[in-house]
Amino acid sequence: MLDLILKENKILSDQYSLLILTSNEKLPDILPGQFAEVRVDGSPTTFLRRPISVHYVDYELNELWLLIQIKGDGTKQLANMAVGESINLLIPLGNSFSEPTDKDARVLLVGGGCGVAPLLYLGAHLKKSGHEVNFLLGARSKTDLIELCEYERIGNVFATTEDGSYGERGFVTQHSLLNDSTFNFIYTCGPTPMMKAVARYALKTNANCEVSLENTMACGIGACLCCVTDTTEGHVCVCTEGPVFNITKLKWQI
């Protein structure tokens, strides 16, 4: 449990805010795919912590980035925090994405909506390990594609929008990249229908595929059982056994 200080609050759009947090002490070791349970102070309607994916960690600047999608009172309160305020969180929680042992493995990171959040830190790790990183990001329109410059700093960025206002028109699994290239490892996070479509593509092309589930996680430590999902090893808590799962472990109808 840590109390971090808000160093910067970047309003990215009417739906997204980027909280950059810091501390006088060194941040703990955090792996790509892990998350934080954030306490929301000052909201009379918010009683439980909110699970937020780790967006990025800069150990040189001792910064933790959290991407907030404004959906309700809790996330609105977090997005309206002022610089200098303290925020309490439990971190790091959950497991992490795995890394290809083959340095020549072609990797693709597919995100939709706020599901793009954990992929930035994952991409940075893969790049540091010597992999060429490819991002495929999907959104409803251009205004919903956020922080493209940050992803471009790490790897190649491809995009789709449902209205065709940026990149190719359609869904991520309709992008021409998937017809022109093959990948050994695919990582994805976003709406469940999108992740299932990516999983189908991965199975069809014999690619190793990991998904980060976004189940409701009220406690983050496996106590409340709100986030249980069915796997080949039985029902497990996403917050402790996940949130990252290989698609071969999930009982998805794909």
C-alpha atoms as a PDB file:
ATOM      1  CA  MET A   1       0.000   0.000   0.000  1.00  0.00           C
ATOM      2  CA  LEU A   2       1.443   3.318  -1.113  1.00  0.00           C
ATOM      3  CA  ASP A   3       0.526   6.981  -0.856  1.00  0.00           C
ATOM      4  CA  LEU A   4       1.678   8.675  -4.053  1.00  0.00           C
ATOM      5  CA  ILE A   5       1.592  12.339  -5.002  1.00  0.00           C
ATOM      6  CA  LEU A   6      -0.066  13.584  -8.167  1.00  0.00           C
ATOM      7  CA  LYS A   7       2.695  15.233 -10.190  1.00  0.00           C
ATOM      8  CA  GLU A   8       0.669  15.981 -13.284  1.00  0.00           C
ATOM      9  CA  ASN A   9      -2.919  15.562 -14.471  1.00  0.00           C
ATOM     10  CA  LYS A  10      -3.145  15.581 -18.263  1.00  0.00           C
ATOM     11  CA  ILE A  11      -6.655  15.961 -19.655  1.00  0.00           C
ATOM     12  CA  LEU A  12      -6.452  13.951 -22.885  1.00  0.00           C
ATOM     13  CA  SER A  13     -10.097  14.265 -23.936  1.00  0.00           C
ATOM     14  CA  ASP A  14     -13.545  14.512 -22.406  1.00  0.00           C
ATOM     15  CA  GLN A  15     -13.290  10.785 -21.646  1.00  0.00           C
ATOM     16  CA  TYR A  16      -9.666  10.277 -20.622  1.00  0.00           C
ATOM     17  CA  SER A  17      -7.223  11.699 -18.126  1.00  0.00           C
ATOM     18  CA  LEU A  18      -3.606  10.711 -17.520  1.00  0.00           C
ATOM     19  CA  LEU A  19      -2.460  10.785 -13.899  1.00  0.00           C
ATOM     20  CA  ILE A  20       1.317  10.936 -13.424  1.00  0.00           C
ATOM     21  CA  LEU A  21       2.179   9.968  -9.858  1.00  0.00           C
ATOM     22  CA  THR A  22       5.429  10.072  -7.946  1.00  0.00           C
ATOM     23  CA  SER A  23       6.882   9.396  -4.503  1.00  0.00           C
ATOM     24  CA  ASN A  24       9.810  10.404  -2.335  1.00  0.00           C
ATOM     25  CA  GLU A  25      10.692   6.703  -2.181  1.00  0.00           C
ATOM     26  CA  LYS A  26      11.595   4.396  -5.049  1.00  0.00           C
ATOM     27  CA  LEU A  27       8.622   2.790  -6.741  1.00  0.00           C
ATOM     28  CA  PRO A  28       8.335  -1.000  -6.360  1.00  0.00           C
ATOM     29  CA  ASP A  29       9.140  -3.384  -9.207  1.00  0.00           C
ATOM     30  CA  ILE A  30       6.111  -3.447 -11.498  1.00  0.00           C
ATOM     31  CA  LEU A  31       5.650  -5.784 -14.469  1.00  0.00           C
ATOM     32  CA  PRO A  32       3.673  -5.152 -17.674  1.00  0.00           C
ATOM     33  CA  GLY A  33       0.073  -6.261 -17.246  1.00  0.00           C
ATOM     34  CA  GLN A  34      -0.129  -5.670 -13.503  1.00  0.00           C
ATOM     35  CA  PHE A  35      -2.613  -3.223 -12.022  1.00  0.00           C
ATOM     36  CA  ALA A  36      -3.382  -1.050  -9.017  1.00  0.00           C
ATOM     37  CA  GLU A  37      -6.407  -0.844  -6.752  1.00  0.00           C
ATOM     38  CA  VAL A  38      -6.952   2.874  -6.266  1.00  0.00           C
ATOM     39  CA  ARG A  39      -8.806   4.376  -3.307  1.00  0.00           C
ATOM     40  CA  VAL A  40     -11.197   7.138  -4.279  1.00  0.00           C
ATOM     41  CA  ASP A  41     -11.367   9.887  -1.657  1.00  0.00           C
ATOM     42  CA  GLY A  42     -13.965  12.635  -1.669  1.00  0.00           C
ATOM     43  CA  SER A  43     -16.695  10.747  -3.529  1.00  0.00           C
ATOM     44  CA  PRO A  44     -19.712   9.973  -1.291  1.00  0.00           C
ATOM     45  CA  THR A  45     -21.026   7.388  -3.787  1.00  0.00           C
ATOM     46  CA  THR A  46     -17.761   5.470  -4.210  1.00  0.00           C
ATOM     47  CA  PHE A  47     -16.992   2.922  -1.501  1.00  0.00           C
ATOM     48  CA  LEU A  48     -14.712   0.438  -3.237  1.00  0.00           C
ATOM     49  CA  ARG A  49     -11.292   0.876  -4.775  1.00  0.00           C
ATOM     50  CA  ARG A  50     -11.059   1.087  -8.544  1.00  0.00           C
ATOM     51  CA  PRO A  51      -8.805  -1.320 -10.516  1.00  0.00           C
ATOM     52  CA  ILE A  52      -6.597   0.660 -12.888  1.00  0.00           C
ATOM     53  CA  SER A  53      -4.059  -0.867 -15.293  1.00  0.00           C
ATOM     54  CA  VAL A  54      -0.462   0.271 -15.051  1.00  0.00           C
ATOM     55  CA  HIS A  55      -0.055   2.452 -18.126  1.00  0.00           C
ATOM     56  CA  TYR A  56       3.655   3.166 -17.818  1.00  0.00           C
ATOM     57  CA  VAL A  57       6.456   3.294 -15.257  1.00  0.00           C
ATOM     58  CA  ASP A  58       9.452   5.620 -15.594  1.00  0.00           C
ATOM     59  CA  TYR A  59      11.990   4.544 -12.999  1.00  0.00           C
ATOM     60  CA  GLU A  60      14.435   7.299 -13.926  1.00  0.00           C
ATOM     61  CA  LEU A  61      11.839   9.951 -13.058  1.00  0.00           C
ATOM     62  CA  ASN A  62      10.203   7.686 -10.427  1.00  0.00           C
ATOM     63  CA  GLU A  63       6.826   8.099 -12.121  1.00  0.00           C
ATOM     64  CA  LEU A  64       3.781   5.837 -12.321  1.00  0.00           C
ATOM     65  CA  TRP A  65       1.272   6.593 -15.083  1.00  0.00           C
ATOM     66  CA  LEU A  66      -2.410   5.685 -14.757  1.00  0.00           C
ATOM     67  CA  LEU A  67      -4.798   6.178 -17.658  1.00  0.00           C
ATOM     68  CA  ILE A  68      -8.276   6.999 -16.341  1.00  0.00           C
ATOM     69  CA  GLN A  69     -11.384   6.480 -18.448  1.00  0.00           C
ATOM     70  CA  ILE A  70     -14.185   8.573 -16.993  1.00  0.00           C
ATOM     71  CA  LYS A  71     -17.208   6.309 -16.581  1.00  0.00           C
ATOM     72  CA  GLY A  72     -18.781   7.076 -13.210  1.00  0.00           C
ATOM     73  CA  ASP A  73     -18.443   9.056  -9.990  1.00  0.00           C
ATOM     74  CA  GLY A  74     -15.271   7.251  -8.910  1.00  0.00           C
ATOM     75  CA  THR A  75     -13.274   7.726 -12.083  1.00  0.00           C
ATOM     76  CA  LYS A  76     -14.607  11.298 -12.434  1.00  0.00           C
ATOM     77  CA  GLN A  77     -13.271  12.077  -8.976  1.00  0.00           C
ATOM     78  CA  LEU A  78      -9.877  10.621  -9.879  1.00  0.00           C
ATOM     79  CA  ALA A  79      -9.751  12.560 -13.152  1.00  0.00           C
ATOM     80  CA  ASN A  80     -10.481  15.805 -11.297  1.00  0.00           C
ATOM     81  CA  MET A  81      -7.644  15.438  -8.789  1.00  0.00           C
ATOM     82  CA  ALA A  82      -5.365  18.446  -8.370  1.00  0.00           C
ATOM     83  CA  VAL A  83      -1.586  18.420  -8.628  1.00  0.00           C
ATOM     84  CA  GLY A  84      -0.029  17.857  -5.203  1.00  0.00           C
ATOM     85  CA  GLU A  85      -2.884  15.742  -3.874  1.00  0.00           C
ATOM     86  CA  SER A  86      -2.175  12.315  -2.389  1.00  0.00           C
ATOM     87  CA  ILE A  87      -3.626   9.105  -3.764  1.00  0.00           C
ATOM     88  CA  ASN A  88      -3.612   5.760  -1.963  1.00  0.00           C
ATOM     89  CA  LEU A  89      -3.237   2.535  -3.910  1.00  0.00           C
ATOM     90  CA  LEU A  90      -2.375  -1.139  -3.652  1.00  0.00           C
ATOM     91  CA  ILE A  91       0.296  -2.073  -6.171  1.00  0.00           C
ATOM     92  CA  PRO A  92       1.501  -4.193  -7.886  1.00  0.00           C
ATOM     93  CA  LEU A  93      -1.384  -6.653  -8.194  1.00  0.00           C
ATOM     94  CA  GLY A  94      -1.994  -9.570 -10.552  1.00  0.00           C
ATOM     95  CA  ASN A  95       0.287 -11.413 -12.942  1.00  0.00           C
ATOM     96  CA  SER A  96       2.017 -10.121 -16.055  1.00  0.00           C
ATOM     97  CA  PHE A  97       2.406 -10.696 -19.769  1.00  0.00           C
ATOM     98  CA  SER A  98       5.026 -13.241 -20.793  1.00  0.00           C
ATOM     99  CA  GLU A  99       7.900 -12.416 -23.126  1.00  0.00           C
ATOM    100  CA  PRO A 100       8.917 -14.410 -26.202  1.00  0.00           C
ATOM    101  CA  THR A 101      12.160 -16.283 -25.671  1.00  0.00           C
ATOM    102  CA  ASP A 102      12.954 -15.971 -29.369  1.00  0.00           C
ATOM    103  CA  LYS A 103      14.361 -12.500 -30.017  1.00  0.00           C
ATOM    104  CA  ASP A 104      13.248 -12.771 -33.655  1.00  0.00           C
ATOM    105  CA  ALA A 105       9.617 -13.449 -32.730  1.00  0.00           C
ATOM    106  CA  ARG A 106       7.223 -10.990 -34.360  1.00  0.00           C
ATOM    107  CA  VAL A 107       4.954  -9.368 -31.792  1.00  0.00           C
ATOM    108  CA  LEU A 108       1.642  -7.548 -32.166  1.00  0.00           C
ATOM    109  CA  LEU A 109      -0.113  -5.586 -29.418  1.00  0.00           C
ATOM    110  CA  VAL A 110      -3.819  -5.033 -30.073  1.00  0.00           C
ATOM    111  CA  GLY A 111      -5.858  -2.599 -28.013  1.00  0.00           C
ATOM    112  CA  GLY A 112      -9.347  -1.167 -28.109  1.00  0.00           C
ATOM    113  CA  GLY A 113     -10.774   1.700 -26.070  1.00  0.00           C
ATOM    114  CA  CYS A 114      -9.195   1.961 -22.625  1.00  0.00           C
ATOM    115  CA  GLY A 115      -7.709  -1.480 -23.279  1.00  0.00           C
ATOM    116  CA  VAL A 116      -4.758   0.298 -24.866  1.00  0.00           C
ATOM    117  CA  ALA A 117      -3.592   1.288 -21.361  1.00  0.00           C
ATOM    118  CA  PRO A 118      -1.430  -1.735 -20.350  1.00  0.00           C
ATOM    119  CA  LEU A 119       0.057  -2.069 -23.845  1.00  0.00           C
ATOM    120  CA  LEU A 120       2.272   1.022 -23.608  1.00  0.00           C
ATOM    121  CA  TYR A 121       4.328  -0.359 -20.714  1.00  0.00           C
ATOM    122  CA  LEU A 122       4.370  -3.817 -22.308  1.00  0.00           C
ATOM    123  CA  GLY A 123       5.610  -2.341 -25.565  1.00  0.00           C
ATOM    124  CA  ALA A 124       8.411  -0.504 -23.765  1.00  0.00           C
ATOM    125  CA  HIS A 125       9.531  -3.758 -22.115  1.00  0.00           C
ATOM    126  CA  LEU A 126       9.491  -5.674 -25.392  1.00  0.00           C
ATOM    127  CA  LYS A 127      11.434  -2.928 -27.157  1.00  0.00           C
ATOM    128  CA  LYS A 128      14.042  -2.917 -24.390  1.00  0.00           C
ATOM    129  CA  SER A 129      14.427  -6.686 -24.919  1.00  0.00           C
ATOM    130  CA  GLY A 130      15.179  -6.142 -28.590  1.00  0.00           C
ATOM    131  CA  HIS A 131      11.795  -6.859 -30.187  1.00  0.00           C
ATOM    132  CA  GLU A 132      10.280  -4.786 -32.943  1.00  0.00           C
ATOM    133  CA  VAL A 133       6.959  -3.669 -31.494  1.00  0.00           C
ATOM    134  CA  ASN A 134       3.787  -3.350 -33.574  1.00  0.00           C
ATOM    135  CA  PHE A 135       0.689  -1.697 -32.122  1.00  0.00           C
ATOM    136  CA  LEU A 136      -2.762  -2.126 -33.641  1.00  0.00           C
ATOM    137  CA  LEU A 137      -5.157   0.287 -31.944  1.00  0.00           C
ATOM    138  CA  GLY A 138      -8.894   0.512 -32.504  1.00  0.00           C
ATOM    139  CA  ALA A 139     -11.442   3.162 -31.584  1.00  0.00           C
ATOM    140  CA  ARG A 140     -14.809   4.528 -32.628  1.00  0.00           C
ATOM    141  CA  SER A 141     -13.337   7.743 -34.047  1.00  0.00           C
ATOM    142  CA  LYS A 142     -10.130   9.765 -34.207  1.00  0.00           C
ATOM    143  CA  THR A 143     -10.961  11.614 -30.980  1.00  0.00           C
ATOM    144  CA  ASP A 144     -10.978   8.300 -29.117  1.00  0.00           C
ATOM    145  CA  LEU A 145      -7.414   7.444 -30.171  1.00  0.00           C
ATOM    146  CA  ILE A 146      -5.262   8.865 -27.404  1.00  0.00           C
ATOM    147  CA  GLU A 147      -1.519   9.302 -26.879  1.00  0.00           C
ATOM    148  CA  LEU A 148      -0.584   8.065 -30.330  1.00  0.00           C
ATOM    149  CA  CYS A 149       2.755   9.879 -30.031  1.00  0.00           C
ATOM    150  CA  GLU A 150       3.658   7.798 -26.966  1.00  0.00           C
ATOM    151  CA  TYR A 151       3.004   4.543 -28.814  1.00  0.00           C
ATOM    152  CA  GLU A 152       4.864   5.798 -31.884  1.00  0.00           C
ATOM    153  CA  ARG A 153       7.865   6.499 -29.647  1.00  0.00           C
ATOM    154  CA  ILE A 154       8.030   2.766 -28.898  1.00  0.00           C
ATOM    155  CA  GLY A 155       6.991   1.006 -32.088  1.00  0.00           C
ATOM    156  CA  ASN A 156       5.029   0.918 -35.317  1.00  0.00           C
ATOM    157  CA  VAL A 157       1.457   2.118 -34.886  1.00  0.00           C
ATOM    158  CA  PHE A 158      -1.480   0.972 -37.014  1.00  0.00           C
ATOM    159  CA  ALA A 159      -5.029   2.098 -36.319  1.00  0.00           C
ATOM    160  CA  THR A 160      -8.646   1.526 -37.206  1.00  0.00           C
ATOM    161  CA  THR A 161     -11.673   3.678 -36.491  1.00  0.00           C
ATOM    162  CA  GLU A 162     -15.251   2.610 -36.948  1.00  0.00           C
ATOM    163  CA  ASP A 163     -16.129   5.859 -38.717  1.00  0.00           C
ATOM    164  CA  GLY A 164     -12.965   5.968 -40.838  1.00  0.00           C
ATOM    165  CA  SER A 165     -11.804   9.306 -39.375  1.00  0.00           C
ATOM    166  CA  TYR A 166      -8.292   7.928 -38.765  1.00  0.00           C
ATOM    167  CA  GLY A 167      -6.420   4.928 -40.091  1.00  0.00           C
ATOM    168  CA  GLU A 168      -8.451   2.222 -41.784  1.00  0.00           C
ATOM    169  CA  ARG A 169     -12.217   2.028 -41.435  1.00  0.00           C
ATOM    170  CA  GLY A 170     -13.583  -0.897 -39.432  1.00  0.00           C
ATOM    171  CA  PHE A 171     -12.528  -3.063 -36.516  1.00  0.00           C
ATOM    172  CA  VAL A 172      -8.969  -4.042 -35.579  1.00  0.00           C
ATOM    173  CA  THR A 173      -9.363  -7.571 -36.963  1.00  0.00           C
ATOM    174  CA  GLN A 174     -10.269  -6.061 -40.346  1.00  0.00           C
ATOM    175  CA  HIS A 175      -7.003  -4.128 -40.670  1.00  0.00           C
ATOM    176  CA  SER A 176      -4.953  -4.988 -43.747  1.00  0.00           C
ATOM    177  CA  LEU A 177      -1.903  -5.586 -41.525  1.00  0.00           C
ATOM    178  CA  LEU A 178      -3.398  -8.930 -40.508  1.00  0.00           C
ATOM    179  CA  ASN A 179      -3.668  -9.989 -44.139  1.00  0.00           C
ATOM    180  CA  ASP A 180      -0.178  -8.851 -45.086  1.00  0.00           C
ATOM    181  CA  SER A 181       1.816 -10.088 -42.072  1.00  0.00           C
ATOM    182  CA  THR A 182       2.076 -12.968 -39.639  1.00  0.00           C
ATOM    183  CA  PHE A 183       2.935 -12.741 -35.961  1.00  0.00           C
ATOM    184  CA  ASN A 184       4.311 -15.199 -33.428  1.00  0.00           C
ATOM    185  CA  PHE A 185       3.008 -13.462 -30.291  1.00  0.00           C
ATOM    186  CA  ILE A 186      -0.166 -11.415 -29.969  1.00  0.00           C
ATOM    187  CA  TYR A 187      -1.166  -9.490 -26.845  1.00  0.00           C
ATOM    188  CA  THR A 188      -4.574  -7.862 -26.531  1.00  0.00           C
ATOM    189  CA  CYS A 189      -6.746  -5.889 -24.138  1.00  0.00           C
ATOM    190  CA  GLY A 190     -10.085  -4.208 -24.667  1.00  0.00           C
ATOM    191  CA  PRO A 191     -13.765  -5.069 -25.036  1.00  0.00           C
ATOM    192  CA  THR A 192     -14.432  -8.811 -24.792  1.00  0.00           C
ATOM    193  CA  PRO A 193     -15.896  -9.162 -28.326  1.00  0.00           C
ATOM    194  CA  MET A 194     -12.739  -7.552 -29.724  1.00  0.00           C
ATOM    195  CA  MET A 195     -10.449  -9.816 -27.707  1.00  0.00           C
ATOM    196  CA  LYS A 196     -12.379 -12.895 -28.819  1.00  0.00           C
ATOM    197  CA  ALA A 197     -12.028 -11.796 -32.447  1.00  0.00           C
ATOM    198  CA  VAL A 198      -8.277 -11.341 -31.947  1.00  0.00           C
ATOM    199  CA  ALA A 199      -8.130 -14.762 -30.286  1.00  0.00           C
ATOM    200  CA  ARG A 200      -9.835 -16.335 -33.301  1.00  0.00           C
ATOM    201  CA  TYR A 201      -7.271 -14.738 -35.586  1.00  0.00           C
ATOM    202  CA  ALA A 202      -4.445 -15.982 -33.365  1.00  0.00           C
ATOM    203  CA  LEU A 203      -5.739 -19.555 -33.402  1.00  0.00           C
ATOM    204  CA  LYS A 204      -6.180 -19.414 -37.156  1.00  0.00           C
ATOM    205  CA  THR A 205      -2.575 -18.266 -37.659  1.00  0.00           C
ATOM    206  CA  ASN A 206      -1.035 -20.440 -34.899  1.00  0.00           C
ATOM    207  CA  ALA A 207       0.115 -17.406 -32.934  1.00  0.00           C
ATOM    208  CA  ASN A 208       0.655 -17.478 -29.181  1.00  0.00           C
ATOM    209  CA  CYS A 209      -1.966 -15.118 -27.724  1.00  0.00           C
ATOM    210  CA  GLU A 210      -2.430 -13.553 -24.308  1.00  0.00           C
ATOM    211  CA  VAL A 211      -5.378 -11.430 -23.228  1.00  0.00           C
ATOM    212  CA  SER A 212      -5.778  -9.059 -20.303  1.00  0.00           C
ATOM    213  CA  LEU A 213      -9.275  -9.400 -18.878  1.00  0.00           C
ATOM    214  CA  GLU A 214     -11.152  -6.378 -17.560  1.00  0.00           C
ATOM    215  CA  ASN A 215     -13.526  -8.124 -15.150  1.00  0.00           C
ATOM    216  CA  THR A 216     -14.904  -6.158 -12.221  1.00  0.00           C
ATOM    217  CA  MET A 217     -12.271  -6.414  -9.464  1.00  0.00           C
ATOM    218  CA  ALA A 218     -13.543  -4.885  -6.243  1.00  0.00           C
ATOM    219  CA  CYS A 219     -10.772  -6.002  -3.883  1.00  0.00           C
ATOM    220  CA  GLY A 220      -7.826  -7.049  -6.044  1.00  0.00           C
ATOM    221  CA  ILE A 221      -6.719  -9.799  -3.657  1.00  0.00           C
ATOM    222  CA  GLY A 222      -9.140 -12.666  -4.382  1.00  0.00           C
ATOM    223  CA  ALA A 223     -11.447 -12.102  -1.411  1.00  0.00           C
ATOM    224  CA  CYS A 224     -14.668 -10.750  -2.919  1.00  0.00           C
ATOM    225  CA  LEU A 225     -14.988 -13.230  -5.839  1.00  0.00           C
ATOM    226  CA  CYS A 226     -16.472 -10.536  -8.105  1.00  0.00           C
ATOM    227  CA  CYS A 227     -14.029 -11.235 -10.924  1.00  0.00           C
ATOM    228  CA  VAL A 228     -14.195 -15.038 -11.237  1.00  0.00           C
ATOM    229  CA  THR A 229     -13.796 -16.482 -14.734  1.00  0.00           C
ATOM    230  CA  ASP A 230     -13.991 -20.030 -16.048  1.00  0.00           C
ATOM    231  CA  THR A 231     -10.758 -21.648 -17.218  1.00  0.00           C
ATOM    232  CA  THR A 232      -9.476 -25.100 -18.109  1.00  0.00           C
ATOM    233  CA  GLU A 233      -8.262 -25.288 -14.493  1.00  0.00           C
ATOM    234  CA  GLY A 234     -11.637 -24.345 -13.024  1.00  0.00           C
ATOM    235  CA  HIS A 235     -13.060 -21.061 -11.824  1.00  0.00           C
ATOM    236  CA  VAL A 236     -10.320 -18.628 -10.811  1.00  0.00           C
ATOM    237  CA  CYS A 237     -10.097 -15.024  -9.656  1.00  0.00           C
ATOM    238  CA  VAL A 238      -8.943 -12.738 -12.432  1.00  0.00           C
ATOM    239  CA  CYS A 239      -7.316 -10.367  -9.932  1.00  0.00           C
ATOM    240  CA  THR A 240      -4.949 -13.017  -8.554  1.00  0.00           C
ATOM    241  CA  GLU A 241      -4.616 -15.646 -11.303  1.00  0.00           C
ATOM    242  CA  GLY A 242      -4.783 -12.953 -13.988  1.00  0.00           C
ATOM    243  CA  PRO A 243      -5.581 -10.470 -15.328  1.00  0.00           C
ATOM    244  CA  VAL A 244      -3.386 -11.932 -18.095  1.00  0.00           C
ATOM    245  CA  PHE A 245      -4.384 -15.322 -19.526  1.00  0.00           C
ATOM    246  CA  ASN A 246      -3.236 -17.358 -22.470  1.00  0.00           C
ATOM    247  CA  ILE A 247      -6.288 -17.955 -24.668  1.00  0.00           C
ATOM    248  CA  THR A 248      -5.714 -21.721 -24.440  1.00  0.00           C
ATOM    249  CA  LYS A 249      -6.593 -21.488 -20.726  1.00  0.00           C
ATOM    250  CA  LEU A 250      -9.918 -19.710 -21.190  1.00  0.00           C
ATOM    251  CA  LYS A 251     -13.197 -21.456 -21.894  1.00  0.00           C
ATOM    252  CA  TRP A 252     -14.184 -18.969 -24.548  1.00  0.00           C
ATOM    253  CA  GLN A 253     -16.470 -19.943 -27.380  1.00  0.00           C
ATOM    254  CA  ILE A 254     -14.259 -18.703 -30.197  1.00  0.00           C
END
